[in-house]
Amino acid sequence: MISHPPGWDDIVTKLHKRLLEIIPEYRVFQTKEKFGTLRYYVDSYGIEDTKVWYKAQELIQETEAESATICQRCGSPGKERSDGYIATLCNPCCEKRERI
């Protein structure tokens, strides 16, 4: 299930390429937004080298943290906003959200 917001497409693509370099046959089974940041889940099946697995997790954590600085709608620099629902948005996307 790949369903992260479109503003994070670039960082997800970059992460995917980096993971393929260290685990050529890795499988992503879910991406999503949760509490205003990216969540990226991969299958560890067949990854026997724990150093490789930990490196993959490190790359994922870095990307998830980076998502907290990127507007999830448009990909511009953003920050956490909350109105009962947490989202990472730039000023223009936040203003559009408030008008809806």
N, C-alpha and C. Protein backbone atom coordinates (compact mmCIF):
# COMPACT_ATOMS: atom_id res chain seq x y z
N MET A 1 0.86 -1.17 0.00
CA MET A 1 0.00 0.00 0.00
C MET A 1 0.90 1.24 0.00
N ILE A 2 0.98 1.87 -1.13
CA ILE A 2 1.80 3.07 -1.29
C ILE A 2 0.83 4.25 -1.37
N SER A 3 0.78 5.04 -0.31
CA SER A 3 -0.20 6.13 -0.31
C SER A 3 0.27 7.35 0.48
N HIS A 4 1.51 7.72 0.28
CA HIS A 4 2.01 8.92 0.94
C HIS A 4 1.57 10.17 0.16
N PRO A 5 1.55 11.33 0.80
CA PRO A 5 1.17 12.56 0.11
C PRO A 5 2.15 12.90 -1.02
N PRO A 6 1.66 13.55 -2.07
CA PRO A 6 2.48 13.83 -3.25
C PRO A 6 3.68 14.74 -3.01
N GLY A 7 3.65 15.57 -2.01
CA GLY A 7 4.77 16.46 -1.73
C GLY A 7 6.02 15.72 -1.30
N TRP A 8 5.87 14.48 -0.89
CA TRP A 8 7.01 13.69 -0.45
C TRP A 8 7.52 12.72 -1.52
N ASP A 9 6.99 12.81 -2.73
CA ASP A 9 7.42 11.90 -3.80
C ASP A 9 8.93 11.93 -4.01
N ASP A 10 9.53 13.10 -4.02
CA ASP A 10 10.98 13.19 -4.28
C ASP A 10 11.80 12.50 -3.20
N ILE A 11 11.46 12.71 -1.94
CA ILE A 11 12.27 12.07 -0.89
C ILE A 11 12.02 10.57 -0.83
N VAL A 12 10.82 10.13 -1.18
CA VAL A 12 10.53 8.69 -1.22
C VAL A 12 11.30 8.05 -2.37
N THR A 13 11.35 8.70 -3.52
CA THR A 13 12.10 8.18 -4.66
C THR A 13 13.59 8.10 -4.34
N LYS A 14 14.12 9.15 -3.69
CA LYS A 14 15.53 9.16 -3.31
C LYS A 14 15.82 8.02 -2.32
N LEU A 15 14.95 7.82 -1.34
CA LEU A 15 15.12 6.74 -0.38
C LEU A 15 15.08 5.39 -1.09
N HIS A 16 14.13 5.22 -1.97
CA HIS A 16 14.00 3.96 -2.71
C HIS A 16 15.29 3.62 -3.45
N LYS A 17 15.86 4.60 -4.12
CA LYS A 17 17.11 4.37 -4.86
C LYS A 17 18.25 4.02 -3.91
N ARG A 18 18.32 4.70 -2.78
CA ARG A 18 19.39 4.41 -1.81
C ARG A 18 19.24 3.01 -1.22
N LEU A 19 18.00 2.61 -0.96
CA LEU A 19 17.78 1.26 -0.43
C LEU A 19 18.13 0.19 -1.46
N LEU A 20 17.80 0.44 -2.72
CA LEU A 20 18.13 -0.52 -3.77
C LEU A 20 19.64 -0.73 -3.89
N GLU A 21 20.42 0.30 -3.58
CA GLU A 21 21.87 0.18 -3.64
C GLU A 21 22.41 -0.81 -2.60
N ILE A 22 21.76 -0.87 -1.45
CA ILE A 22 22.27 -1.77 -0.41
C ILE A 22 21.48 -3.07 -0.31
N ILE A 23 20.23 -3.05 -0.76
CA ILE A 23 19.39 -4.26 -0.74
C ILE A 23 18.66 -4.33 -2.09
N PRO A 24 19.31 -4.87 -3.12
CA PRO A 24 18.73 -4.86 -4.47
C PRO A 24 17.32 -5.45 -4.58
N GLU A 25 16.97 -6.37 -3.70
CA GLU A 25 15.66 -7.01 -3.81
C GLU A 25 14.73 -6.67 -2.65
N TYR A 26 14.95 -5.51 -2.03
CA TYR A 26 14.08 -5.16 -0.90
C TYR A 26 12.67 -4.90 -1.41
N ARG A 27 11.72 -5.00 -0.50
CA ARG A 27 10.32 -4.75 -0.85
C ARG A 27 9.71 -3.76 0.14
N VAL A 28 9.12 -2.73 -0.39
CA VAL A 28 8.38 -1.79 0.45
C VAL A 28 6.95 -2.31 0.50
N PHE A 29 6.36 -2.34 1.68
CA PHE A 29 4.98 -2.80 1.72
C PHE A 29 4.01 -1.71 2.17
N GLN A 30 4.52 -0.58 2.64
CA GLN A 30 3.60 0.51 2.96
C GLN A 30 4.34 1.82 3.10
N THR A 31 3.75 2.87 2.54
CA THR A 31 4.16 4.24 2.83
C THR A 31 2.88 4.99 3.19
N LYS A 32 3.01 5.93 4.11
CA LYS A 32 1.84 6.70 4.51
C LYS A 32 2.27 7.93 5.30
N GLU A 33 1.32 8.77 5.57
CA GLU A 33 1.52 9.92 6.46
C GLU A 33 0.90 9.57 7.79
N LYS A 34 1.61 9.86 8.86
CA LYS A 34 1.07 9.65 10.21
C LYS A 34 1.64 10.74 11.11
N PHE A 35 0.76 11.47 11.78
CA PHE A 35 1.15 12.55 12.67
C PHE A 35 2.05 13.56 11.96
N GLY A 36 1.76 13.81 10.68
CA GLY A 36 2.46 14.86 9.93
C GLY A 36 3.79 14.47 9.34
N THR A 37 4.19 13.21 9.48
CA THR A 37 5.45 12.78 8.88
C THR A 37 5.26 11.47 8.10
N LEU A 38 6.23 11.20 7.26
CA LEU A 38 6.23 10.00 6.45
C LEU A 38 6.49 8.76 7.30
N ARG A 39 5.82 7.69 6.96
CA ARG A 39 6.13 6.36 7.50
C ARG A 39 6.43 5.48 6.30
N TYR A 40 7.54 4.74 6.39
CA TYR A 40 8.01 3.92 5.27
C TYR A 40 8.37 2.55 5.82
N TYR A 41 7.62 1.54 5.42
CA TYR A 41 7.78 0.19 5.96
C TYR A 41 8.29 -0.75 4.89
N VAL A 42 9.34 -1.50 5.23
CA VAL A 42 9.90 -2.47 4.30
C VAL A 42 9.87 -3.86 4.92
N ASP A 43 9.94 -4.85 4.06
CA ASP A 43 9.94 -6.25 4.48
C ASP A 43 11.38 -6.68 4.71
N SER A 44 11.66 -7.25 5.86
CA SER A 44 13.01 -7.70 6.18
C SER A 44 13.28 -9.13 5.72
N TYR A 45 12.28 -9.76 5.14
CA TYR A 45 12.43 -11.16 4.72
C TYR A 45 13.60 -11.31 3.75
N GLY A 46 14.50 -12.22 4.04
CA GLY A 46 15.63 -12.50 3.17
C GLY A 46 16.85 -11.63 3.43
N ILE A 47 16.76 -10.67 4.32
CA ILE A 47 17.90 -9.82 4.65
C ILE A 47 18.58 -10.45 5.87
N GLU A 48 19.68 -11.12 5.62
CA GLU A 48 20.35 -11.85 6.69
C GLU A 48 21.46 -11.05 7.36
N ASP A 49 21.99 -10.07 6.69
CA ASP A 49 23.08 -9.26 7.24
C ASP A 49 22.48 -8.15 8.10
N THR A 50 22.65 -8.24 9.41
CA THR A 50 22.04 -7.25 10.30
C THR A 50 22.62 -5.86 10.09
N LYS A 51 23.88 -5.76 9.68
CA LYS A 51 24.46 -4.44 9.42
C LYS A 51 23.74 -3.76 8.26
N VAL A 52 23.40 -4.53 7.25
CA VAL A 52 22.66 -3.99 6.10
C VAL A 52 21.26 -3.57 6.55
N TRP A 53 20.62 -4.40 7.37
CA TRP A 53 19.28 -4.07 7.85
C TRP A 53 19.30 -2.79 8.68
N TYR A 54 20.29 -2.65 9.57
CA TYR A 54 20.38 -1.44 10.39
C TYR A 54 20.67 -0.21 9.54
N LYS A 55 21.48 -0.36 8.51
CA LYS A 55 21.75 0.76 7.60
C LYS A 55 20.47 1.16 6.88
N ALA A 56 19.69 0.19 6.45
CA ALA A 56 18.41 0.48 5.79
C ALA A 56 17.48 1.23 6.74
N GLN A 57 17.41 0.79 7.98
CA GLN A 57 16.56 1.46 8.97
C GLN A 57 17.04 2.88 9.24
N GLU A 58 18.35 3.07 9.25
CA GLU A 58 18.91 4.41 9.43
C GLU A 58 18.50 5.33 8.29
N LEU A 59 18.57 4.86 7.06
CA LEU A 59 18.16 5.66 5.90
C LEU A 59 16.68 6.00 5.97
N ILE A 60 15.88 5.04 6.38
CA ILE A 60 14.44 5.26 6.50
C ILE A 60 14.16 6.31 7.58
N GLN A 61 14.81 6.19 8.72
CA GLN A 61 14.59 7.15 9.80
C GLN A 61 15.01 8.56 9.39
N GLU A 62 16.12 8.68 8.66
CA GLU A 62 16.56 10.00 8.17
C GLU A 62 15.51 10.61 7.25
N THR A 63 14.96 9.80 6.37
CA THR A 63 13.97 10.30 5.42
C THR A 63 12.67 10.66 6.14
N GLU A 64 12.27 9.85 7.09
CA GLU A 64 11.06 10.17 7.85
C GLU A 64 11.24 11.49 8.61
N ALA A 65 12.42 11.71 9.16
CA ALA A 65 12.69 12.98 9.86
C ALA A 65 12.70 14.14 8.87
N GLU A 66 13.27 13.93 7.70
CA GLU A 66 13.29 14.98 6.67
C GLU A 66 11.88 15.37 6.25
N SER A 67 10.97 14.41 6.24
CA SER A 67 9.59 14.70 5.83
C SER A 67 8.93 15.74 6.74
N ALA A 68 9.42 15.90 7.95
CA ALA A 68 8.86 16.89 8.88
C ALA A 68 9.23 18.31 8.50
N THR A 69 10.07 18.46 7.46
CA THR A 69 10.49 19.79 7.00
C THR A 69 10.03 20.09 5.57
N ILE A 70 9.22 19.19 5.00
CA ILE A 70 8.79 19.31 3.61
C ILE A 70 7.28 19.26 3.54
N CYS A 71 6.69 20.23 2.85
CA CYS A 71 5.23 20.27 2.71
C CYS A 71 4.75 18.99 2.04
N GLN A 72 3.83 18.33 2.71
CA GLN A 72 3.34 17.07 2.18
C GLN A 72 2.44 17.25 0.96
N ARG A 73 1.99 18.44 0.70
CA ARG A 73 1.15 18.68 -0.48
C ARG A 73 1.94 19.05 -1.71
N CYS A 74 2.94 19.96 -1.55
CA CYS A 74 3.62 20.50 -2.75
C CYS A 74 5.12 20.26 -2.79
N GLY A 75 5.73 19.84 -1.68
CA GLY A 75 7.16 19.58 -1.66
C GLY A 75 8.03 20.77 -1.30
N SER A 76 7.45 21.92 -1.04
CA SER A 76 8.20 23.10 -0.61
C SER A 76 8.60 22.95 0.86
N PRO A 77 9.52 23.79 1.34
CA PRO A 77 9.82 23.74 2.77
C PRO A 77 8.55 23.96 3.60
N GLY A 78 8.40 23.18 4.64
CA GLY A 78 7.19 23.28 5.46
C GLY A 78 7.50 23.01 6.91
N LYS A 79 6.47 23.10 7.72
CA LYS A 79 6.61 22.81 9.14
C LYS A 79 5.30 22.21 9.65
N GLU A 80 5.39 21.63 10.84
CA GLU A 80 4.22 20.99 11.43
C GLU A 80 3.14 22.01 11.74
N ARG A 81 1.93 21.67 11.36
CA ARG A 81 0.74 22.49 11.66
C ARG A 81 -0.29 21.57 12.30
N SER A 82 -1.10 22.13 13.16
CA SER A 82 -2.12 21.30 13.79
C SER A 82 -3.39 22.10 14.01
N ASP A 83 -4.49 21.50 13.62
CA ASP A 83 -5.81 22.03 13.92
C ASP A 83 -6.70 20.88 14.38
N GLY A 84 -6.08 19.97 15.13
CA GLY A 84 -6.73 18.73 15.50
C GLY A 84 -6.22 17.59 14.62
N TYR A 85 -5.68 17.94 13.47
CA TYR A 85 -5.05 16.99 12.56
C TYR A 85 -3.66 17.54 12.27
N ILE A 86 -2.62 16.77 12.52
CA ILE A 86 -1.25 17.23 12.32
C ILE A 86 -0.85 17.01 10.87
N ALA A 87 -0.28 18.05 10.27
CA ALA A 87 0.19 17.97 8.88
C ALA A 87 1.45 18.82 8.76
N THR A 88 2.33 18.45 7.84
CA THR A 88 3.50 19.26 7.54
C THR A 88 3.19 20.03 6.27
N LEU A 89 3.10 21.36 6.40
CA LEU A 89 2.67 22.20 5.29
C LEU A 89 3.50 23.46 5.18
N CYS A 90 3.60 23.99 3.98
CA CYS A 90 4.18 25.32 3.77
C CYS A 90 3.09 26.36 4.04
N ASN A 91 3.45 27.62 4.10
CA ASN A 91 2.46 28.66 4.38
C ASN A 91 1.32 28.69 3.37
N PRO A 92 1.59 28.71 2.03
CA PRO A 92 0.49 28.75 1.07
C PRO A 92 -0.47 27.54 1.18
N CYS A 93 0.08 26.33 1.36
CA CYS A 93 -0.79 25.16 1.48
C CYS A 93 -1.57 25.19 2.79
N CYS A 94 -0.98 25.74 3.83
CA CYS A 94 -1.69 25.87 5.10
C CYS A 94 -2.85 26.84 4.96
N GLU A 95 -2.62 27.95 4.25
CA GLU A 95 -3.69 28.92 4.03
C GLU A 95 -4.83 28.32 3.21
N LYS A 96 -4.49 27.53 2.19
CA LYS A 96 -5.53 26.86 1.39
C LYS A 96 -6.33 25.90 2.25
N ARG A 97 -5.65 25.19 3.14
CA ARG A 97 -6.30 24.23 4.01
C ARG A 97 -7.27 24.93 4.95
N GLU A 98 -6.87 26.10 5.45
CA GLU A 98 -7.73 26.84 6.39
C GLU A 98 -8.98 27.37 5.71
N ARG A 99 -8.91 27.62 4.38
CA ARG A 99 -10.08 28.14 3.66
C ARG A 99 -11.07 27.06 3.30
N ILE A 100 -10.66 25.81 3.38
CA ILE A 100 -11.54 24.71 2.95
C ILE A 100 -12.57 24.41 4.02
